[in-house]
């Protein structure tokens, strides 16, 4: 009897979250449609992510929360995209923005092992630089650099989806050892390794389909896998410090836009730097 009970508990523990899977399919469909329409479609997708993410940051960082504060966060999140898309931003502004964004993300990664930031104290700057700037830079790159950037974003989104999905399924099936329990107790080392393995496989396939360098896309896959995981941990740390479980509930099984796209916002500046250098 005890064996049956144990097996039932294990099955329940590893049961697949169907709302999460269905929502993921809908998200992927929307992303594929945006990619189909090129720079315009991707920039529109980024604008939606920026607006909803800015709104969710207001819920997390504003205490007490006000309607005016929500508008301020949304405007600040969208401002980098508006500035960099306006036509007045020069290449040097873009290059400095990429460096600033990379430095900030490195700082937030290092901060996972140090005393948490006082996020509320710097909440408006945080919304502008952490959430808004990477998507603003991505939009600039879409319209002002080579067409290869669109292909790169297609590959990045595909790899992020692969990494997140395979981390989830691998963790559910064989996950035993916690990856970073103090920040995100649900993540496992086995899930993370599964994410990396399948991301590299997809990267190799993607490079063969596009005719691009296999080595280049393996490097991109590793960057996406590692930094995407760290991006998720950074956002989890913010929520834990602010005593928030989910950034929102608009995406069933995924929480909010911050929960869903925290990996993307982390990898964008580093991959833009990679694309610029190589």
C-alpha atoms as a PDB file:
ATOM      1  CA  UNK A   1       0.000   0.000   0.000  1.00  0.00           C
ATOM      2  CA  UNK A   2       2.819   2.355   0.906  1.00  0.00           C
ATOM      3  CA  UNK A   3       4.530   1.619  -2.434  1.00  0.00           C
ATOM      4  CA  UNK A   4       1.358   2.540  -4.348  1.00  0.00           C
ATOM      5  CA  UNK A   5       1.053   5.764  -2.372  1.00  0.00           C
ATOM      6  CA  UNK A   6       4.670   6.642  -3.085  1.00  0.00           C
ATOM      7  CA  UNK A   7       4.214   5.979  -6.810  1.00  0.00           C
ATOM      8  CA  UNK A   8       1.072   8.143  -6.886  1.00  0.00           C
ATOM      9  CA  UNK A   9       2.948  10.982  -5.211  1.00  0.00           C
ATOM     10  CA  UNK A  10       5.789  10.711  -7.693  1.00  0.00           C
ATOM     11  CA  UNK A  11       3.324  10.715 -10.598  1.00  0.00           C
ATOM     12  CA  UNK A  12       1.539  13.742  -9.182  1.00  0.00           C
ATOM     13  CA  UNK A  13       4.843  15.510  -8.710  1.00  0.00           C
ATOM     14  CA  UNK A  14       5.836  14.880 -12.316  1.00  0.00           C
ATOM     15  CA  UNK A  15       2.440  15.572 -13.867  1.00  0.00           C
ATOM     16  CA  UNK A  16       2.719  17.927 -16.851  1.00  0.00           C
ATOM     17  CA  UNK A  17       1.176  21.389 -16.432  1.00  0.00           C
ATOM     18  CA  UNK A  18      -1.184  21.457 -19.433  1.00  0.00           C
ATOM     19  CA  UNK A  19      -2.167  25.166 -19.156  1.00  0.00           C
ATOM     20  CA  UNK A  20       1.546  25.951 -19.315  1.00  0.00           C
ATOM     21  CA  UNK A  21       1.982  23.802 -22.426  1.00  0.00           C
ATOM     22  CA  UNK A  22      -1.077  25.283 -24.183  1.00  0.00           C
ATOM     23  CA  UNK A  23       0.004  28.842 -23.359  1.00  0.00           C
ATOM     24  CA  UNK A  24       3.499  28.065 -24.660  1.00  0.00           C
ATOM     25  CA  UNK A  25       2.021  26.896 -27.969  1.00  0.00           C
ATOM     26  CA  UNK A  26      -0.004  30.117 -28.270  1.00  0.00           C
ATOM     27  CA  UNK A  27       3.071  32.233 -27.439  1.00  0.00           C
ATOM     28  CA  UNK A  28       5.194  30.390 -29.989  1.00  0.00           C
ATOM     29  CA  UNK A  29       2.500  30.866 -32.642  1.00  0.00           C
ATOM     30  CA  UNK A  30       2.373  34.614 -31.941  1.00  0.00           C
ATOM     31  CA  UNK A  31       6.159  34.827 -32.077  1.00  0.00           C
ATOM     32  CA  UNK A  32       6.308  32.927 -35.380  1.00  0.00           C
ATOM     33  CA  UNK A  33       3.754  35.296 -36.885  1.00  0.00           C
ATOM     34  CA  UNK A  34       5.760  38.311 -35.722  1.00  0.00           C
ATOM     35  CA  UNK A  35       8.929  36.839 -37.229  1.00  0.00           C
ATOM     36  CA  UNK A  36       7.093  36.272 -40.523  1.00  0.00           C
ATOM     37  CA  UNK A  37       6.495  40.024 -40.797  1.00  0.00           C
ATOM     38  CA  UNK A  38      10.195  40.796 -40.326  1.00  0.00           C
ATOM     39  CA  UNK A  39      11.479  43.863 -38.501  1.00  0.00           C
ATOM     40  CA  UNK A  40       8.002  45.367 -38.152  1.00  0.00           C
ATOM     41  CA  UNK A  41       6.544  42.185 -36.662  1.00  0.00           C
ATOM     42  CA  UNK A  42       9.426  41.695 -34.223  1.00  0.00           C
ATOM     43  CA  UNK A  43       9.428  45.333 -33.122  1.00  0.00           C
ATOM     44  CA  UNK A  44       5.674  45.108 -32.539  1.00  0.00           C
ATOM     45  CA  UNK A  45       6.228  41.971 -30.454  1.00  0.00           C
ATOM     46  CA  UNK A  46       8.925  43.760 -28.443  1.00  0.00           C
ATOM     47  CA  UNK A  47       6.608  46.721 -27.891  1.00  0.00           C
ATOM     48  CA  UNK A  48       3.904  44.456 -26.445  1.00  0.00           C
ATOM     49  CA  UNK A  49       6.454  42.758 -24.155  1.00  0.00           C
ATOM     50  CA  UNK A  50       7.835  46.120 -23.040  1.00  0.00           C
ATOM     51  CA  UNK A  51       4.433  47.610 -22.205  1.00  0.00           C
ATOM     52  CA  UNK A  52       3.101  44.643 -20.259  1.00  0.00           C
ATOM     53  CA  UNK A  53       6.464  44.075 -18.565  1.00  0.00           C
ATOM     54  CA  UNK A  54       6.643  47.715 -17.494  1.00  0.00           C
ATOM     55  CA  UNK A  55       3.166  47.458 -16.034  1.00  0.00           C
ATOM     56  CA  UNK A  56       4.099  44.310 -14.119  1.00  0.00           C
ATOM     57  CA  UNK A  57       7.235  45.970 -12.749  1.00  0.00           C
ATOM     58  CA  UNK A  58       5.020  48.688 -11.289  1.00  0.00           C
ATOM     59  CA  UNK A  59       3.104  45.999  -9.392  1.00  0.00           C
ATOM     60  CA  UNK A  60       6.330  44.521  -8.078  1.00  0.00           C
ATOM     61  CA  UNK A  61       8.339  47.651  -7.282  1.00  0.00           C
ATOM     62  CA  UNK A  62       5.732  50.255  -6.264  1.00  0.00           C
ATOM     63  CA  UNK A  63       4.777  50.142  -2.591  1.00  0.00           C
ATOM     64  CA  UNK A  64       2.179  51.501  -2.216  1.00  0.00           C
ATOM     65  CA  UNK A  65       1.086  50.989  -5.786  1.00  0.00           C
ATOM     66  CA  UNK A  66      -0.621  53.878  -7.629  1.00  0.00           C
ATOM     67  CA  UNK A  67      -2.174  54.234 -11.068  1.00  0.00           C
ATOM     68  CA  UNK A  68       0.175  57.146 -11.833  1.00  0.00           C
ATOM     69  CA  UNK A  69       3.153  54.975 -10.899  1.00  0.00           C
ATOM     70  CA  UNK A  70       1.973  52.299 -13.312  1.00  0.00           C
ATOM     71  CA  UNK A  71       1.859  54.816 -16.162  1.00  0.00           C
ATOM     72  CA  UNK A  72       5.341  56.069 -15.261  1.00  0.00           C
ATOM     73  CA  UNK A  73       6.781  52.545 -15.378  1.00  0.00           C
ATOM     74  CA  UNK A  74       5.134  51.805 -18.735  1.00  0.00           C
ATOM     75  CA  UNK A  75       6.415  55.073 -20.232  1.00  0.00           C
ATOM     76  CA  UNK A  76       9.938  54.511 -18.911  1.00  0.00           C
ATOM     77  CA  UNK A  77       9.963  50.937 -20.217  1.00  0.00           C
ATOM     78  CA  UNK A  78       8.875  52.116 -23.687  1.00  0.00           C
ATOM     79  CA  UNK A  79      11.113  55.206 -23.777  1.00  0.00           C
ATOM     80  CA  UNK A  80      14.352  53.470 -24.937  1.00  0.00           C
ATOM     81  CA  UNK A  81      12.483  51.896 -27.847  1.00  0.00           C
ATOM     82  CA  UNK A  82      10.973  55.261 -28.813  1.00  0.00           C
ATOM     83  CA  UNK A  83      14.344  57.026 -28.593  1.00  0.00           C
ATOM     84  CA  UNK A  84      16.294  54.394 -30.500  1.00  0.00           C
ATOM     85  CA  UNK A  85      13.589  54.055 -33.160  1.00  0.00           C
ATOM     86  CA  UNK A  86      13.123  57.803 -33.588  1.00  0.00           C
ATOM     87  CA  UNK A  87      15.917  58.146 -36.151  1.00  0.00           C
ATOM     88  CA  UNK A  88      17.851  60.603 -33.988  1.00  0.00           C
ATOM     89  CA  UNK A  89      19.922  57.963 -32.208  1.00  0.00           C
ATOM     90  CA  UNK A  90      23.397  57.594 -33.699  1.00  0.00           C
ATOM     91  CA  UNK A  91      25.398  54.355 -33.950  1.00  0.00           C
ATOM     92  CA  UNK A  92      27.593  55.487 -31.046  1.00  0.00           C
ATOM     93  CA  UNK A  93      24.499  55.854 -28.840  1.00  0.00           C
ATOM     94  CA  UNK A  94      23.534  52.294 -29.776  1.00  0.00           C
ATOM     95  CA  UNK A  95      27.032  50.977 -29.039  1.00  0.00           C
ATOM     96  CA  UNK A  96      27.180  52.706 -25.652  1.00  0.00           C
ATOM     97  CA  UNK A  97      23.705  51.379 -24.881  1.00  0.00           C
ATOM     98  CA  UNK A  98      24.803  47.803 -25.602  1.00  0.00           C
ATOM     99  CA  UNK A  99      27.813  48.165 -23.287  1.00  0.00           C
ATOM    100  CA  UNK A 100      25.732  49.754 -20.513  1.00  0.00           C
ATOM    101  CA  UNK A 101      23.122  47.010 -20.795  1.00  0.00           C
ATOM    102  CA  UNK A 102      25.763  44.253 -20.667  1.00  0.00           C
ATOM    103  CA  UNK A 103      27.393  45.802 -17.589  1.00  0.00           C
ATOM    104  CA  UNK A 104      24.043  46.082 -15.810  1.00  0.00           C
ATOM    105  CA  UNK A 105      23.144  42.461 -16.562  1.00  0.00           C
ATOM    106  CA  UNK A 106      26.544  41.264 -15.311  1.00  0.00           C
ATOM    107  CA  UNK A 107      25.988  43.249 -12.120  1.00  0.00           C
ATOM    108  CA  UNK A 108      22.555  41.680 -11.616  1.00  0.00           C
ATOM    109  CA  UNK A 109      24.007  38.194 -12.188  1.00  0.00           C
ATOM    110  CA  UNK A 110      26.783  38.781  -9.646  1.00  0.00           C
ATOM    111  CA  UNK A 111      24.169  40.155  -7.251  1.00  0.00           C
ATOM    112  CA  UNK A 112      22.563  36.699  -7.107  1.00  0.00           C
ATOM    113  CA  UNK A 113      25.355  35.755  -4.681  1.00  0.00           C
ATOM    114  CA  UNK A 114      25.512  39.034  -2.748  1.00  0.00           C
ATOM    115  CA  UNK A 115      23.206  41.245  -0.690  1.00  0.00           C
ATOM    116  CA  UNK A 116      20.013  41.955  -2.681  1.00  0.00           C
ATOM    117  CA  UNK A 117      19.546  45.354  -4.261  1.00  0.00           C
ATOM    118  CA  UNK A 118      17.093  47.858  -2.856  1.00  0.00           C
ATOM    119  CA  UNK A 119      14.988  47.583  -6.007  1.00  0.00           C
ATOM    120  CA  UNK A 120      12.308  49.985  -4.767  1.00  0.00           C
ATOM    121  CA  UNK A 121      14.890  52.731  -4.258  1.00  0.00           C
ATOM    122  CA  UNK A 122      15.949  52.633  -7.903  1.00  0.00           C
ATOM    123  CA  UNK A 123      12.641  51.439  -9.334  1.00  0.00           C
ATOM    124  CA  UNK A 124      12.278  53.915 -12.204  1.00  0.00           C
ATOM    125  CA  UNK A 125      15.895  53.601 -13.315  1.00  0.00           C
ATOM    126  CA  UNK A 126      15.538  49.853 -12.989  1.00  0.00           C
ATOM    127  CA  UNK A 127      12.505  49.763 -15.289  1.00  0.00           C
ATOM    128  CA  UNK A 128      14.265  51.942 -17.878  1.00  0.00           C
ATOM    129  CA  UNK A 129      17.614  50.130 -17.961  1.00  0.00           C
ATOM    130  CA  UNK A 130      16.731  46.545 -17.033  1.00  0.00           C
ATOM    131  CA  UNK A 131      13.527  46.088 -18.994  1.00  0.00           C
ATOM    132  CA  UNK A 132      13.289  48.894 -21.534  1.00  0.00           C
ATOM    133  CA  UNK A 133      16.858  49.329 -22.796  1.00  0.00           C
ATOM    134  CA  UNK A 134      17.497  45.789 -24.151  1.00  0.00           C
ATOM    135  CA  UNK A 135      14.324  45.833 -26.251  1.00  0.00           C
ATOM    136  CA  UNK A 136      15.098  49.359 -27.429  1.00  0.00           C
ATOM    137  CA  UNK A 137      18.530  48.186 -28.561  1.00  0.00           C
ATOM    138  CA  UNK A 138      16.997  45.162 -30.263  1.00  0.00           C
ATOM    139  CA  UNK A 139      14.596  47.407 -32.177  1.00  0.00           C
ATOM    140  CA  UNK A 140      17.442  49.671 -33.290  1.00  0.00           C
ATOM    141  CA  UNK A 141      19.409  46.642 -34.504  1.00  0.00           C
ATOM    142  CA  UNK A 142      16.434  45.372 -36.505  1.00  0.00           C
ATOM    143  CA  UNK A 143      16.143  48.586 -38.512  1.00  0.00           C
ATOM    144  CA  UNK A 144      19.732  49.792 -38.674  1.00  0.00           C
ATOM    145  CA  UNK A 145      21.960  46.755 -39.088  1.00  0.00           C
ATOM    146  CA  UNK A 146      22.131  43.843 -41.526  1.00  0.00           C
ATOM    147  CA  UNK A 147      19.266  41.489 -42.312  1.00  0.00           C
ATOM    148  CA  UNK A 148      21.214  38.791 -40.483  1.00  0.00           C
ATOM    149  CA  UNK A 149      19.962  40.349 -37.233  1.00  0.00           C
ATOM    150  CA  UNK A 150      16.403  39.235 -38.037  1.00  0.00           C
ATOM    151  CA  UNK A 151      17.651  35.689 -38.581  1.00  0.00           C
ATOM    152  CA  UNK A 152      19.621  35.934 -35.341  1.00  0.00           C
ATOM    153  CA  UNK A 153      16.528  36.954 -33.373  1.00  0.00           C
ATOM    154  CA  UNK A 154      14.588  34.125 -34.957  1.00  0.00           C
ATOM    155  CA  UNK A 155      17.293  31.720 -33.810  1.00  0.00           C
ATOM    156  CA  UNK A 156      17.517  33.274 -30.344  1.00  0.00           C
ATOM    157  CA  UNK A 157      13.779  32.984 -29.750  1.00  0.00           C
ATOM    158  CA  UNK A 158      13.805  29.406 -31.045  1.00  0.00           C
ATOM    159  CA  UNK A 159      16.702  28.499 -28.735  1.00  0.00           C
ATOM    160  CA  UNK A 160      15.121  30.202 -25.732  1.00  0.00           C
ATOM    161  CA  UNK A 161      11.895  28.316 -26.325  1.00  0.00           C
ATOM    162  CA  UNK A 162      13.847  25.061 -26.671  1.00  0.00           C
ATOM    163  CA  UNK A 163      15.878  25.737 -23.533  1.00  0.00           C
ATOM    164  CA  UNK A 164      12.870  26.663 -21.416  1.00  0.00           C
ATOM    165  CA  UNK A 165      10.727  23.784 -22.672  1.00  0.00           C
ATOM    166  CA  UNK A 166      13.382  21.105 -22.311  1.00  0.00           C
ATOM    167  CA  UNK A 167      14.446  22.402 -18.893  1.00  0.00           C
ATOM    168  CA  UNK A 168      10.820  22.017 -17.801  1.00  0.00           C
ATOM    169  CA  UNK A 169      10.266  18.536 -19.234  1.00  0.00           C
ATOM    170  CA  UNK A 170      13.699  17.175 -18.300  1.00  0.00           C
ATOM    171  CA  UNK A 171      13.323  18.546 -14.785  1.00  0.00           C
ATOM    172  CA  UNK A 172       9.885  16.987 -14.448  1.00  0.00           C
ATOM    173  CA  UNK A 173      11.082  13.591 -15.680  1.00  0.00           C
ATOM    174  CA  UNK A 174      14.476  13.158 -14.006  1.00  0.00           C
ATOM    175  CA  UNK A 175      15.125  16.288 -11.934  1.00  0.00           C
ATOM    176  CA  UNK A 176      16.460  15.577  -8.432  1.00  0.00           C
ATOM    177  CA  UNK A 177      19.165  18.104  -7.565  1.00  0.00           C
ATOM    178  CA  UNK A 178      18.179  21.741  -7.058  1.00  0.00           C
ATOM    179  CA  UNK A 179      19.986  24.286  -9.213  1.00  0.00           C
ATOM    180  CA  UNK A 180      19.620  27.411  -7.039  1.00  0.00           C
ATOM    181  CA  UNK A 181      17.161  26.601  -4.225  1.00  0.00           C
ATOM    182  CA  UNK A 182      17.517  29.916  -2.387  1.00  0.00           C
ATOM    183  CA  UNK A 183      16.218  31.799  -5.434  1.00  0.00           C
ATOM    184  CA  UNK A 184      14.212  29.328  -7.544  1.00  0.00           C
ATOM    185  CA  UNK A 185      13.503  26.025  -5.747  1.00  0.00           C
ATOM    186  CA  UNK A 186      11.702  24.553  -8.771  1.00  0.00           C
ATOM    187  CA  UNK A 187      14.741  24.475 -11.046  1.00  0.00           C
ATOM    188  CA  UNK A 188      17.003  21.432 -11.156  1.00  0.00           C
ATOM    189  CA  UNK A 189      20.516  20.786 -12.421  1.00  0.00           C
ATOM    190  CA  UNK A 190      19.239  17.930 -14.560  1.00  0.00           C
ATOM    191  CA  UNK A 191      16.671  20.244 -16.148  1.00  0.00           C
ATOM    192  CA  UNK A 192      19.350  22.818 -16.882  1.00  0.00           C
ATOM    193  CA  UNK A 193      21.649  20.235 -18.468  1.00  0.00           C
ATOM    194  CA  UNK A 194      18.760  18.968 -20.582  1.00  0.00           C
ATOM    195  CA  UNK A 195      18.098  22.524 -21.712  1.00  0.00           C
ATOM    196  CA  UNK A 196      21.714  22.967 -22.762  1.00  0.00           C
ATOM    197  CA  UNK A 197      21.905  19.644 -24.594  1.00  0.00           C
ATOM    198  CA  UNK A 198      18.772  20.167 -26.676  1.00  0.00           C
ATOM    199  CA  UNK A 199      19.606  23.836 -27.327  1.00  0.00           C
ATOM    200  CA  UNK A 200      22.900  22.814 -28.911  1.00  0.00           C
ATOM    201  CA  UNK A 201      21.137  20.180 -31.041  1.00  0.00           C
ATOM    202  CA  UNK A 202      18.622  22.751 -32.282  1.00  0.00           C
ATOM    203  CA  UNK A 203      21.417  25.257 -32.925  1.00  0.00           C
ATOM    204  CA  UNK A 204      23.242  22.764 -35.115  1.00  0.00           C
ATOM    205  CA  UNK A 205      20.051  22.072 -37.070  1.00  0.00           C
ATOM    206  CA  UNK A 206      19.318  25.789 -37.394  1.00  0.00           C
ATOM    207  CA  UNK A 207      22.801  26.517 -38.727  1.00  0.00           C
ATOM    208  CA  UNK A 208      22.444  23.782 -41.331  1.00  0.00           C
ATOM    209  CA  UNK A 209      19.062  25.114 -42.501  1.00  0.00           C
ATOM    210  CA  UNK A 210      20.285  28.726 -42.721  1.00  0.00           C
ATOM    211  CA  UNK A 211      23.727  27.848 -44.091  1.00  0.00           C
ATOM    212  CA  UNK A 212      25.410  29.756 -41.276  1.00  0.00           C
ATOM    213  CA  UNK A 213      28.442  28.694 -39.246  1.00  0.00           C
ATOM    214  CA  UNK A 214      27.797  25.704 -36.980  1.00  0.00           C
ATOM    215  CA  UNK A 215      30.429  26.908 -34.506  1.00  0.00           C
ATOM    216  CA  UNK A 216      28.796  30.349 -34.348  1.00  0.00           C
ATOM    217  CA  UNK A 217      25.399  28.891 -33.551  1.00  0.00           C
ATOM    218  CA  UNK A 218      26.760  26.462 -30.966  1.00  0.00           C
ATOM    219  CA  UNK A 219      28.347  29.460 -29.207  1.00  0.00           C
ATOM    220  CA  UNK A 220      25.028  31.352 -29.430  1.00  0.00           C
ATOM    221  CA  UNK A 221      23.192  28.306 -28.038  1.00  0.00           C
ATOM    222  CA  UNK A 222      25.557  28.148 -25.056  1.00  0.00           C
ATOM    223  CA  UNK A 223      25.144  31.884 -24.433  1.00  0.00           C
ATOM    224  CA  UNK A 224      21.358  31.577 -24.637  1.00  0.00           C
ATOM    225  CA  UNK A 225      21.303  28.519 -22.383  1.00  0.00           C
ATOM    226  CA  UNK A 226      23.535  29.920 -19.628  1.00  0.00           C
ATOM    227  CA  UNK A 227      22.444  33.559 -19.695  1.00  0.00           C
ATOM    228  CA  UNK A 228      18.806  32.638 -20.243  1.00  0.00           C
ATOM    229  CA  UNK A 229      18.892  30.522 -17.096  1.00  0.00           C
ATOM    230  CA  UNK A 230      20.614  33.319 -15.175  1.00  0.00           C
ATOM    231  CA  UNK A 231      18.059  35.817 -16.483  1.00  0.00           C
ATOM    232  CA  UNK A 232      15.282  33.680 -15.071  1.00  0.00           C
ATOM    233  CA  UNK A 233      17.104  33.498 -11.730  1.00  0.00           C
ATOM    234  CA  UNK A 234      17.592  37.283 -11.671  1.00  0.00           C
ATOM    235  CA  UNK A 235      13.873  37.880 -12.140  1.00  0.00           C
ATOM    236  CA  UNK A 236      13.077  35.225  -9.517  1.00  0.00           C
ATOM    237  CA  UNK A 237      15.418  37.017  -7.121  1.00  0.00           C
ATOM    238  CA  UNK A 238      13.607  40.308  -7.701  1.00  0.00           C
ATOM    239  CA  UNK A 239      10.235  38.690  -6.951  1.00  0.00           C
ATOM    240  CA  UNK A 240      11.578  36.902  -3.877  1.00  0.00           C
ATOM    241  CA  UNK A 241      13.042  40.111  -2.449  1.00  0.00           C
ATOM    242  CA  UNK A 242       9.787  41.951  -3.165  1.00  0.00           C
ATOM    243  CA  UNK A 243       7.764  39.010  -1.760  1.00  0.00           C
ATOM    244  CA  UNK A 244       5.888  38.406  -5.029  1.00  0.00           C
ATOM    245  CA  UNK A 245       5.166  34.914  -6.396  1.00  0.00           C
ATOM    246  CA  UNK A 246       4.263  35.734 -10.023  1.00  0.00           C
ATOM    247  CA  UNK A 247       4.751  38.984 -11.911  1.00  0.00           C
ATOM    248  CA  UNK A 248       1.249  38.583 -13.349  1.00  0.00           C
ATOM    249  CA  UNK A 249      -1.419  36.092 -14.371  1.00  0.00           C
ATOM    250  CA  UNK A 250      -2.109  37.046 -17.991  1.00  0.00           C
ATOM    251  CA  UNK A 251      -0.259  33.966 -19.298  1.00  0.00           C
ATOM    252  CA  UNK A 252      -1.755  30.812 -17.690  1.00  0.00           C
ATOM    253  CA  UNK A 253       0.942  28.472 -16.421  1.00  0.00           C
ATOM    254  CA  UNK A 254       3.652  31.061 -17.069  1.00  0.00           C
ATOM    255  CA  UNK A 255       2.714  33.914 -14.746  1.00  0.00           C
ATOM    256  CA  UNK A 256       3.238  37.259 -16.437  1.00  0.00           C
ATOM    257  CA  UNK A 257       5.314  38.801 -19.193  1.00  0.00           C
ATOM    258  CA  UNK A 258       8.282  39.259 -16.869  1.00  0.00           C
ATOM    259  CA  UNK A 259       8.150  35.569 -15.979  1.00  0.00           C
ATOM    260  CA  UNK A 260       7.950  34.541 -19.628  1.00  0.00           C
ATOM    261  CA  UNK A 261      10.508  36.905 -21.189  1.00  0.00           C
ATOM    262  CA  UNK A 262      13.050  37.377 -18.383  1.00  0.00           C
ATOM    263  CA  UNK A 263      15.503  35.138 -20.260  1.00  0.00           C
ATOM    264  CA  UNK A 264      15.102  37.106 -23.497  1.00  0.00           C
ATOM    265  CA  UNK A 265      15.807  40.451 -21.846  1.00  0.00           C
ATOM    266  CA  UNK A 266      19.003  39.016 -20.351  1.00  0.00           C
ATOM    267  CA  UNK A 267      20.454  37.529 -23.542  1.00  0.00           C
ATOM    268  CA  UNK A 268      19.640  40.422 -25.912  1.00  0.00           C
ATOM    269  CA  UNK A 269      22.498  42.789 -24.970  1.00  0.00           C
ATOM    270  CA  UNK A 270      25.143  40.053 -24.951  1.00  0.00           C
ATOM    271  CA  UNK A 271      24.082  38.652 -28.310  1.00  0.00           C
ATOM    272  CA  UNK A 272      23.940  42.126 -29.823  1.00  0.00           C
ATOM    273  CA  UNK A 273      27.504  42.581 -28.571  1.00  0.00           C
ATOM    274  CA  UNK A 274      28.426  39.196 -30.032  1.00  0.00           C
ATOM    275  CA  UNK A 275      26.850  40.078 -33.384  1.00  0.00           C
ATOM    276  CA  UNK A 276      28.637  43.457 -33.420  1.00  0.00           C
ATOM    277  CA  UNK A 277      32.042  41.886 -32.738  1.00  0.00           C
ATOM    278  CA  UNK A 278      31.775  38.811 -34.927  1.00  0.00           C
END
